[in-house]
Amino acid sequence: MGRLRGFTLLELMVVLVIMVLVYALAVPVISAVFPGVELKGATRQISAGLRKARSHAVTKKQESTLTLDVEQRQFSVTGDQKIHSIPPDLDLNLKTALSEQLGPGVGSIRFYPDGSSTGGSITLSSGELAYIVDVNWLTGQVTVNN
């Protein structure tokens, strides 16, 4: 009977190591080639958080907030235990009502049970690219502008 052909364990390990290295190098290269990808992702994450806070306020009939810490680069939403992080290479700016400023670099945008809010905006930028997430105080509607 002839010898069965196949791969040795060493050959398989070498291929796996090469795949891991390619994957580890691919993410930074893609981010460098497409600089707006990270910015757009963070913008979508914040706008989704604002919409979730508004939805929570309306469905639970209680006030809900998105609290943003500009210095720590993270935000949280009422009713959600998760703390969301914002990439460190993005510039971040929060404009909100004076009553919602909780400290240096920390503030909230509050939503009420009728869907309205305190209003405000969050600006995310990277180089010349920028997105502004606006919250209308009367309707609580969240819009993204660039």
N, C-alpha and C. Protein backbone atom coordinates (compact mmCIF):
# COMPACT_ATOMS: atom_id res chain seq x y z
N MET A 1 0.85 -1.16 0.00
CA MET A 1 0.00 0.00 0.00
C MET A 1 0.90 1.23 0.00
N GLY A 2 0.58 2.21 -0.81
CA GLY A 2 1.40 3.41 -0.92
C GLY A 2 1.26 4.30 0.30
N ARG A 3 2.18 5.19 0.42
CA ARG A 3 2.19 6.13 1.55
C ARG A 3 1.09 7.17 1.38
N LEU A 4 0.31 7.42 2.42
CA LEU A 4 -0.75 8.42 2.38
C LEU A 4 -0.13 9.81 2.40
N ARG A 5 -0.63 10.66 1.56
CA ARG A 5 -0.09 12.01 1.51
C ARG A 5 -0.98 12.93 2.33
N GLY A 6 -0.37 13.91 2.97
CA GLY A 6 -1.10 14.88 3.78
C GLY A 6 -0.14 15.94 4.29
N PHE A 7 -0.63 16.73 5.22
CA PHE A 7 0.19 17.78 5.79
C PHE A 7 0.68 17.35 7.17
N THR A 8 1.88 17.76 7.49
CA THR A 8 2.40 17.48 8.83
C THR A 8 1.89 18.53 9.80
N LEU A 9 1.99 18.22 11.05
CA LEU A 9 1.57 19.16 12.08
C LEU A 9 2.37 20.46 11.99
N LEU A 10 3.63 20.36 11.70
CA LEU A 10 4.48 21.54 11.58
C LEU A 10 4.01 22.44 10.43
N GLU A 11 3.66 21.85 9.32
CA GLU A 11 3.18 22.64 8.17
C GLU A 11 1.87 23.35 8.52
N LEU A 12 0.99 22.67 9.21
CA LEU A 12 -0.27 23.29 9.62
C LEU A 12 -0.04 24.45 10.59
N MET A 13 0.89 24.28 11.52
CA MET A 13 1.20 25.34 12.49
C MET A 13 1.78 26.57 11.79
N VAL A 14 2.66 26.35 10.81
CA VAL A 14 3.25 27.46 10.06
C VAL A 14 2.16 28.23 9.33
N VAL A 15 1.23 27.53 8.71
CA VAL A 15 0.13 28.19 7.98
C VAL A 15 -0.74 28.99 8.95
N LEU A 16 -1.04 28.43 10.11
CA LEU A 16 -1.85 29.15 11.10
C LEU A 16 -1.15 30.42 11.59
N VAL A 17 0.14 30.35 11.84
CA VAL A 17 0.89 31.52 12.29
C VAL A 17 0.88 32.60 11.20
N ILE A 18 1.05 32.20 9.96
CA ILE A 18 1.00 33.17 8.86
C ILE A 18 -0.37 33.82 8.77
N MET A 19 -1.43 33.04 8.92
CA MET A 19 -2.79 33.59 8.87
C MET A 19 -3.03 34.59 9.99
N VAL A 20 -2.56 34.30 11.18
CA VAL A 20 -2.73 35.21 12.32
C VAL A 20 -1.97 36.52 12.06
N LEU A 21 -0.76 36.42 11.54
CA LEU A 21 0.03 37.62 11.23
C LEU A 21 -0.65 38.48 10.16
N VAL A 22 -1.16 37.84 9.14
CA VAL A 22 -1.85 38.58 8.08
C VAL A 22 -3.09 39.28 8.64
N TYR A 23 -3.84 38.59 9.47
CA TYR A 23 -5.03 39.19 10.07
C TYR A 23 -4.65 40.36 10.98
N ALA A 24 -3.61 40.20 11.78
CA ALA A 24 -3.18 41.26 12.70
C ALA A 24 -2.70 42.49 11.95
N LEU A 25 -2.11 42.30 10.80
CA LEU A 25 -1.62 43.43 10.00
C LEU A 25 -2.70 44.03 9.12
N ALA A 26 -3.71 43.26 8.78
CA ALA A 26 -4.74 43.73 7.86
C ALA A 26 -5.60 44.84 8.47
N VAL A 27 -5.96 44.73 9.73
CA VAL A 27 -6.84 45.72 10.35
C VAL A 27 -6.23 47.12 10.35
N PRO A 28 -4.98 47.31 10.80
CA PRO A 28 -4.40 48.66 10.74
C PRO A 28 -4.23 49.18 9.31
N VAL A 29 -3.90 48.30 8.40
CA VAL A 29 -3.72 48.72 7.01
C VAL A 29 -5.05 49.20 6.42
N ILE A 30 -6.13 48.47 6.68
CA ILE A 30 -7.44 48.88 6.18
C ILE A 30 -7.85 50.21 6.80
N SER A 31 -7.59 50.40 8.10
CA SER A 31 -7.92 51.67 8.75
C SER A 31 -7.13 52.82 8.15
N ALA A 32 -5.87 52.56 7.77
CA ALA A 32 -5.04 53.62 7.18
C ALA A 32 -5.51 53.95 5.76
N VAL A 33 -5.94 52.94 5.03
CA VAL A 33 -6.39 53.15 3.65
C VAL A 33 -7.74 53.84 3.63
N PHE A 34 -8.61 53.48 4.54
CA PHE A 34 -9.95 54.06 4.63
C PHE A 34 -10.10 54.77 5.97
N PRO A 35 -9.60 56.02 6.09
CA PRO A 35 -9.61 56.68 7.39
C PRO A 35 -11.01 56.97 7.94
N GLY A 36 -12.01 57.05 7.09
CA GLY A 36 -13.35 57.37 7.55
C GLY A 36 -14.11 56.20 8.13
N VAL A 37 -13.60 54.99 7.98
CA VAL A 37 -14.31 53.81 8.46
C VAL A 37 -14.49 53.85 9.97
N GLU A 38 -13.43 54.12 10.69
CA GLU A 38 -13.48 54.17 12.15
C GLU A 38 -14.38 55.31 12.63
N LEU A 39 -14.27 56.45 11.96
CA LEU A 39 -15.08 57.62 12.30
C LEU A 39 -16.56 57.33 12.06
N LYS A 40 -16.87 56.76 10.93
CA LYS A 40 -18.27 56.46 10.60
C LYS A 40 -18.84 55.42 11.57
N GLY A 41 -18.04 54.44 11.94
CA GLY A 41 -18.49 53.43 12.89
C GLY A 41 -18.80 54.02 14.26
N ALA A 42 -17.93 54.89 14.74
CA ALA A 42 -18.16 55.54 16.04
C ALA A 42 -19.38 56.45 15.99
N THR A 43 -19.58 57.13 14.86
CA THR A 43 -20.75 58.00 14.70
C THR A 43 -22.03 57.18 14.74
N ARG A 44 -22.03 56.07 14.07
CA ARG A 44 -23.21 55.19 14.07
C ARG A 44 -23.47 54.64 15.47
N GLN A 45 -22.42 54.32 16.19
CA GLN A 45 -22.57 53.78 17.53
C GLN A 45 -23.21 54.82 18.47
N ILE A 46 -22.77 56.07 18.38
CA ILE A 46 -23.33 57.12 19.23
C ILE A 46 -24.77 57.43 18.83
N SER A 47 -25.04 57.53 17.54
CA SER A 47 -26.42 57.82 17.12
C SER A 47 -27.36 56.68 17.51
N ALA A 48 -26.88 55.44 17.44
CA ALA A 48 -27.70 54.31 17.88
C ALA A 48 -27.96 54.38 19.39
N GLY A 49 -26.94 54.79 20.15
CA GLY A 49 -27.11 54.96 21.59
C GLY A 49 -28.14 56.03 21.93
N LEU A 50 -28.11 57.13 21.20
CA LEU A 50 -29.10 58.20 21.41
C LEU A 50 -30.50 57.71 21.09
N ARG A 51 -30.64 57.00 19.99
CA ARG A 51 -31.96 56.48 19.61
C ARG A 51 -32.45 55.45 20.63
N LYS A 52 -31.53 54.67 21.16
CA LYS A 52 -31.90 53.69 22.19
C LYS A 52 -32.38 54.40 23.45
N ALA A 53 -31.70 55.48 23.83
CA ALA A 53 -32.11 56.24 25.02
C ALA A 53 -33.50 56.84 24.82
N ARG A 54 -33.76 57.37 23.64
CA ARG A 54 -35.07 57.95 23.36
C ARG A 54 -36.14 56.86 23.39
N SER A 55 -35.87 55.75 22.77
CA SER A 55 -36.82 54.63 22.75
C SER A 55 -37.10 54.13 24.17
N HIS A 56 -36.06 54.05 24.98
CA HIS A 56 -36.23 53.62 26.37
C HIS A 56 -37.13 54.59 27.12
N ALA A 57 -36.93 55.88 26.92
CA ALA A 57 -37.74 56.89 27.62
C ALA A 57 -39.22 56.77 27.22
N VAL A 58 -39.47 56.59 25.95
CA VAL A 58 -40.85 56.53 25.46
C VAL A 58 -41.53 55.23 25.89
N THR A 59 -40.85 54.10 25.74
CA THR A 59 -41.50 52.82 26.04
C THR A 59 -41.64 52.57 27.55
N LYS A 60 -40.68 53.00 28.34
CA LYS A 60 -40.74 52.79 29.79
C LYS A 60 -41.42 53.94 30.52
N LYS A 61 -41.72 55.01 29.78
CA LYS A 61 -42.38 56.20 30.34
C LYS A 61 -41.60 56.78 31.51
N GLN A 62 -40.27 56.85 31.31
CA GLN A 62 -39.40 57.47 32.32
C GLN A 62 -38.22 58.12 31.61
N GLU A 63 -37.64 59.12 32.24
CA GLU A 63 -36.50 59.81 31.64
C GLU A 63 -35.34 58.85 31.41
N SER A 64 -34.61 59.12 30.33
CA SER A 64 -33.48 58.29 29.96
C SER A 64 -32.38 59.19 29.42
N THR A 65 -31.14 58.80 29.63
CA THR A 65 -30.03 59.64 29.18
C THR A 65 -28.95 58.83 28.45
N LEU A 66 -28.23 59.54 27.62
CA LEU A 66 -26.96 59.06 27.10
C LEU A 66 -25.93 59.96 27.78
N THR A 67 -25.04 59.36 28.55
CA THR A 67 -24.01 60.11 29.26
C THR A 67 -22.67 59.87 28.57
N LEU A 68 -22.02 60.97 28.19
CA LEU A 68 -20.77 60.91 27.45
C LEU A 68 -19.64 61.50 28.29
N ASP A 69 -18.57 60.74 28.41
CA ASP A 69 -17.36 61.21 29.08
C ASP A 69 -16.31 61.44 27.99
N VAL A 70 -16.08 62.71 27.66
CA VAL A 70 -15.18 63.07 26.57
C VAL A 70 -13.74 62.67 26.89
N GLU A 71 -13.32 62.86 28.14
CA GLU A 71 -11.94 62.56 28.51
C GLU A 71 -11.66 61.05 28.56
N GLN A 72 -12.60 60.29 29.09
CA GLN A 72 -12.44 58.83 29.16
C GLN A 72 -12.81 58.16 27.83
N ARG A 73 -13.44 58.93 26.92
CA ARG A 73 -13.80 58.45 25.59
C ARG A 73 -14.75 57.26 25.66
N GLN A 74 -15.83 57.44 26.43
CA GLN A 74 -16.82 56.39 26.56
C GLN A 74 -18.19 56.98 26.85
N PHE A 75 -19.21 56.19 26.56
CA PHE A 75 -20.57 56.64 26.86
C PHE A 75 -21.42 55.46 27.32
N SER A 76 -22.49 55.80 28.02
CA SER A 76 -23.42 54.78 28.49
C SER A 76 -24.84 55.29 28.28
N VAL A 77 -25.76 54.35 28.24
CA VAL A 77 -27.17 54.66 28.01
C VAL A 77 -27.98 54.09 29.16
N THR A 78 -28.97 54.82 29.63
CA THR A 78 -29.85 54.33 30.69
C THR A 78 -30.50 53.02 30.24
N GLY A 79 -30.51 52.05 31.12
CA GLY A 79 -31.12 50.77 30.81
C GLY A 79 -30.19 49.79 30.12
N ASP A 80 -28.95 50.21 29.86
CA ASP A 80 -27.97 49.34 29.21
C ASP A 80 -26.74 49.30 30.10
N GLN A 81 -26.35 48.12 30.52
CA GLN A 81 -25.21 47.98 31.42
C GLN A 81 -23.87 48.20 30.73
N LYS A 82 -23.86 48.09 29.40
CA LYS A 82 -22.60 48.17 28.66
C LYS A 82 -22.09 49.60 28.59
N ILE A 83 -20.78 49.75 28.73
CA ILE A 83 -20.12 51.05 28.53
C ILE A 83 -19.42 50.97 27.18
N HIS A 84 -19.79 51.88 26.29
CA HIS A 84 -19.28 51.87 24.93
C HIS A 84 -18.04 52.76 24.83
N SER A 85 -17.02 52.27 24.15
CA SER A 85 -15.78 53.02 23.98
C SER A 85 -15.72 53.69 22.62
N ILE A 86 -15.02 54.82 22.58
CA ILE A 86 -14.82 55.56 21.34
C ILE A 86 -13.32 55.50 21.03
N PRO A 87 -12.95 55.22 19.79
CA PRO A 87 -11.53 55.09 19.44
C PRO A 87 -10.73 56.33 19.85
N PRO A 88 -9.50 56.12 20.33
CA PRO A 88 -8.70 57.22 20.87
C PRO A 88 -8.21 58.23 19.83
N ASP A 89 -8.16 57.88 18.57
CA ASP A 89 -7.63 58.80 17.57
C ASP A 89 -8.70 59.71 16.97
N LEU A 90 -9.93 59.67 17.49
CA LEU A 90 -10.99 60.56 17.02
C LEU A 90 -11.14 61.74 17.96
N ASP A 91 -11.39 62.92 17.41
CA ASP A 91 -11.67 64.10 18.22
C ASP A 91 -13.15 64.10 18.56
N LEU A 92 -13.47 64.49 19.78
CA LEU A 92 -14.82 64.38 20.30
C LEU A 92 -15.20 65.67 20.99
N ASN A 93 -16.44 66.14 20.72
CA ASN A 93 -16.93 67.37 21.34
C ASN A 93 -18.41 67.21 21.66
N LEU A 94 -18.82 67.61 22.85
CA LEU A 94 -20.21 67.51 23.29
C LEU A 94 -20.76 68.90 23.58
N LYS A 95 -21.92 69.21 23.01
CA LYS A 95 -22.65 70.43 23.33
C LYS A 95 -24.00 70.00 23.88
N THR A 96 -24.27 70.40 25.11
CA THR A 96 -25.52 70.01 25.75
C THR A 96 -26.00 71.14 26.66
N ALA A 97 -27.18 70.97 27.21
CA ALA A 97 -27.74 71.97 28.12
C ALA A 97 -26.87 72.10 29.36
N LEU A 98 -26.81 73.28 29.91
CA LEU A 98 -26.01 73.55 31.11
C LEU A 98 -26.42 72.62 32.26
N SER A 99 -27.71 72.35 32.37
CA SER A 99 -28.20 71.48 33.45
C SER A 99 -27.74 70.04 33.29
N GLU A 100 -27.29 69.66 32.11
CA GLU A 100 -26.86 68.29 31.84
C GLU A 100 -25.33 68.14 31.88
N GLN A 101 -24.61 69.20 32.18
CA GLN A 101 -23.15 69.11 32.29
C GLN A 101 -22.83 68.62 33.70
N LEU A 102 -22.25 67.42 33.76
CA LEU A 102 -22.04 66.75 35.03
C LEU A 102 -20.66 66.99 35.62
N GLY A 103 -19.78 67.58 34.88
CA GLY A 103 -18.42 67.83 35.33
C GLY A 103 -17.57 68.17 34.13
N PRO A 104 -16.27 68.37 34.35
CA PRO A 104 -15.41 68.70 33.21
C PRO A 104 -15.34 67.53 32.23
N GLY A 105 -15.81 67.78 31.03
CA GLY A 105 -15.75 66.76 29.99
C GLY A 105 -16.81 65.68 30.08
N VAL A 106 -17.77 65.82 30.99
CA VAL A 106 -18.83 64.82 31.15
C VAL A 106 -20.18 65.51 31.06
N GLY A 107 -21.05 64.95 30.23
CA GLY A 107 -22.38 65.53 30.09
C GLY A 107 -23.36 64.50 29.56
N SER A 108 -24.64 64.88 29.60
CA SER A 108 -25.70 63.98 29.17
C SER A 108 -26.62 64.68 28.19
N ILE A 109 -27.29 63.87 27.42
CA ILE A 109 -28.44 64.33 26.64
C ILE A 109 -29.61 63.51 27.17
N ARG A 110 -30.60 64.21 27.71
CA ARG A 110 -31.72 63.57 28.39
C ARG A 110 -32.94 63.52 27.48
N PHE A 111 -33.63 62.38 27.52
CA PHE A 111 -34.87 62.20 26.77
C PHE A 111 -36.02 62.03 27.76
N TYR A 112 -37.18 62.57 27.42
CA TYR A 112 -38.36 62.54 28.27
C TYR A 112 -39.38 61.55 27.72
N PRO A 113 -40.34 61.11 28.56
CA PRO A 113 -41.33 60.11 28.11
C PRO A 113 -42.15 60.52 26.89
N ASP A 114 -42.29 61.82 26.63
CA ASP A 114 -43.05 62.24 25.45
C ASP A 114 -42.18 62.26 24.18
N GLY A 115 -40.92 61.86 24.29
CA GLY A 115 -40.02 61.81 23.14
C GLY A 115 -39.14 63.03 22.98
N SER A 116 -39.45 64.11 23.68
CA SER A 116 -38.63 65.32 23.58
C SER A 116 -37.33 65.11 24.36
N SER A 117 -36.44 66.10 24.27
CA SER A 117 -35.15 65.95 24.94
C SER A 117 -34.61 67.31 25.37
N THR A 118 -33.47 67.29 26.03
CA THR A 118 -32.78 68.53 26.37
C THR A 118 -32.04 69.07 25.15
N GLY A 119 -31.90 68.23 24.13
CA GLY A 119 -31.20 68.64 22.90
C GLY A 119 -29.70 68.66 23.09
N GLY A 120 -29.01 68.82 21.98
CA GLY A 120 -27.56 68.88 22.03
C GLY A 120 -26.96 68.30 20.76
N SER A 121 -25.64 68.28 20.74
CA SER A 121 -24.95 67.69 19.60
C SER A 121 -23.63 67.10 20.05
N ILE A 122 -23.21 66.07 19.32
CA ILE A 122 -21.92 65.42 19.56
C ILE A 122 -21.19 65.45 18.23
N THR A 123 -19.99 66.03 18.23
CA THR A 123 -19.18 66.11 17.02
C THR A 123 -18.02 65.14 17.12
N LEU A 124 -17.88 64.31 16.09
CA LEU A 124 -16.75 63.39 15.99
C LEU A 124 -15.99 63.77 14.74
N SER A 125 -14.67 63.86 14.86
CA SER A 125 -13.87 64.24 13.69
C SER A 125 -12.53 63.52 13.70
N SER A 126 -11.99 63.42 12.49
CA SER A 126 -10.68 62.82 12.28
C SER A 126 -10.08 63.53 11.08
N GLY A 127 -9.09 64.36 11.33
CA GLY A 127 -8.51 65.14 10.24
C GLY A 127 -9.54 66.11 9.70
N GLU A 128 -9.79 66.04 8.41
CA GLU A 128 -10.76 66.94 7.79
C GLU A 128 -12.17 66.36 7.76
N LEU A 129 -12.32 65.09 8.08
CA LEU A 129 -13.63 64.46 8.11
C LEU A 129 -14.29 64.72 9.46
N ALA A 130 -15.57 65.05 9.42
CA ALA A 130 -16.30 65.29 10.66
C ALA A 130 -17.77 64.92 10.49
N TYR A 131 -18.35 64.39 11.56
CA TYR A 131 -19.78 64.10 11.61
C TYR A 131 -20.35 64.76 12.85
N ILE A 132 -21.54 65.32 12.70
CA ILE A 132 -22.23 65.94 13.83
C ILE A 132 -23.52 65.18 14.05
N VAL A 133 -23.68 64.66 15.26
CA VAL A 133 -24.91 63.96 15.64
C VAL A 133 -25.75 64.96 16.42
N ASP A 134 -26.85 65.41 15.82
CA ASP A 134 -27.73 66.41 16.44
C ASP A 134 -28.95 65.75 17.06
N VAL A 135 -29.38 66.30 18.20
CA VAL A 135 -30.61 65.86 18.84
C VAL A 135 -31.51 67.08 18.96
N ASN A 136 -32.67 67.02 18.30
CA ASN A 136 -33.64 68.10 18.34
C ASN A 136 -34.32 68.11 19.70
N TRP A 137 -34.33 69.25 20.38
CA TRP A 137 -34.88 69.32 21.74
C TRP A 137 -36.39 69.10 21.77
N LEU A 138 -37.09 69.53 20.71
CA LEU A 138 -38.55 69.45 20.71
C LEU A 138 -39.04 68.04 20.39
N THR A 139 -38.48 67.42 19.37
CA THR A 139 -38.94 66.11 18.94
C THR A 139 -38.09 64.96 19.44
N GLY A 140 -36.85 65.25 19.84
CA GLY A 140 -35.93 64.20 20.25
C GLY A 140 -35.34 63.45 19.07
N GLN A 141 -35.61 63.91 17.87
CA GLN A 141 -35.10 63.24 16.67
C GLN A 141 -33.59 63.34 16.59
N VAL A 142 -32.95 62.23 16.25
CA VAL A 142 -31.50 62.14 16.13
C VAL A 142 -31.15 62.16 14.64
N THR A 143 -30.28 63.10 14.24
CA THR A 143 -29.84 63.16 12.84
C THR A 143 -28.32 63.24 12.80
N VAL A 144 -27.76 62.71 11.72
CA VAL A 144 -26.31 62.74 11.52
C VAL A 144 -26.02 63.60 10.31
N ASN A 145 -25.16 64.60 10.50
CA ASN A 145 -24.76 65.51 9.43
C ASN A 145 -23.26 65.45 9.27
N ASN A 146 -22.79 65.65 8.02
CA ASN A 146 -21.34 65.70 7.83
C ASN A 146 -20.96 66.98 7.13
